[in-house]
Protein backbone atom coordinates (compact mmCIF):
# COMPACT_ATOMS: atom_id res chain seq x y z
CA UNK A 1 117.47 95.12 115.22
CA UNK A 2 115.84 94.57 118.56
CA UNK A 3 112.21 93.43 118.50
CA UNK A 4 110.02 94.24 121.47
CA UNK A 5 106.69 92.64 122.34
CA UNK A 6 103.76 94.67 123.68
CA UNK A 7 105.72 97.92 123.77
CA UNK A 8 103.78 100.97 124.91
CA UNK A 9 103.92 103.83 122.42
CA UNK A 10 101.93 106.79 123.65
CA UNK A 11 98.48 105.56 124.70
CA UNK A 12 98.79 102.34 122.66
CA UNK A 13 100.56 98.99 122.91
CA UNK A 14 102.20 97.64 119.76
CA UNK A 15 102.10 93.89 119.20
CA UNK A 16 105.72 94.08 118.04
CA UNK A 17 108.00 97.05 117.57
CA UNK A 18 111.49 97.62 116.28
CA UNK A 19 112.79 100.77 117.92
CA UNK A 20 115.86 101.41 115.80
CA UNK A 21 113.86 101.71 112.59
CA UNK A 22 110.52 102.74 114.18
CA UNK A 23 108.44 99.92 112.72
CA UNK A 24 105.33 98.53 114.39
CA UNK A 25 104.02 95.12 113.36
CA UNK A 26 100.43 94.35 114.25
CA UNK A 27 98.96 90.86 113.99
CA UNK A 28 95.19 91.24 113.68
CA UNK A 29 92.67 88.64 114.77
CA UNK A 30 89.14 88.32 113.44
CA UNK A 31 87.68 91.00 115.72
CA UNK A 32 89.65 93.61 113.78
CA UNK A 33 87.12 93.27 110.95
CA UNK A 34 84.41 94.65 113.24
CA UNK A 35 83.61 98.22 112.04
CA UNK A 36 84.09 99.76 115.49
CA UNK A 37 87.43 98.00 115.98
CA UNK A 38 88.50 98.88 112.43
CA UNK A 39 87.89 102.56 113.24
CA UNK A 40 89.94 102.26 116.44
CA UNK A 41 92.73 100.58 114.46
CA UNK A 42 92.68 103.43 111.94
CA UNK A 43 92.99 106.06 114.71
CA UNK A 44 95.81 104.08 116.28
CA UNK A 45 97.66 103.78 112.96
CA UNK A 46 97.24 107.51 112.33
CA UNK A 47 98.64 108.31 115.78
CA UNK A 48 101.63 106.03 115.29
CA UNK A 49 102.37 107.33 111.78
CA UNK A 50 102.17 110.96 112.98
CA UNK A 51 104.66 109.94 115.67
CA UNK A 52 107.10 108.73 113.00
CA UNK A 53 106.33 105.00 113.07
CA UNK A 54 105.73 102.80 110.05
CA UNK A 55 102.84 100.41 110.75
CA UNK A 56 102.55 96.99 109.11
CA UNK A 57 99.40 94.94 109.68
CA UNK A 58 98.97 91.26 109.00
CA UNK A 59 95.90 89.10 109.55
CA UNK A 60 96.37 86.10 111.85
CA UNK A 61 95.32 83.79 109.04
CA UNK A 62 97.98 85.14 106.71
CA UNK A 63 100.70 84.73 109.32
CA UNK A 64 99.62 81.14 109.92
CA UNK A 65 99.14 80.21 106.25
CA UNK A 66 101.84 82.28 104.53
CA UNK A 67 104.56 82.96 107.07
CA UNK A 68 107.24 83.13 104.35
CA UNK A 69 105.22 85.77 102.49
CA UNK A 70 105.00 87.81 105.67
CA UNK A 71 108.74 87.43 106.27
CA UNK A 72 109.44 88.56 102.68
CA UNK A 73 107.24 91.63 103.14
CA UNK A 74 108.99 92.48 106.40
CA UNK A 75 112.40 92.01 104.74
CA UNK A 76 111.41 94.28 101.84
CA UNK A 77 110.27 96.93 104.31
CA UNK A 78 113.56 96.79 106.22
CA UNK A 79 115.57 96.95 102.96
CA UNK A 80 113.58 100.04 101.88
CA UNK A 81 114.32 101.74 105.22
CA UNK A 82 118.05 100.96 105.20
């Protein structure tokens, strides 16, 4: 699997994407809890999902505090796709 950073998909840029399995991984900072940003994120996710992408979102804090949990969730997602 080839991971790409800041890949443009339509009008959006994905934090990370894996083209072969069409998975987008978003790492969300604190500003994503703002209601306006949360609405933008929802529209973005809907666009990507309608385009055939699976979108996984993780909060920055979770990545920093529970990286193994994030890795396990990513692994489970890839196993389910395969």
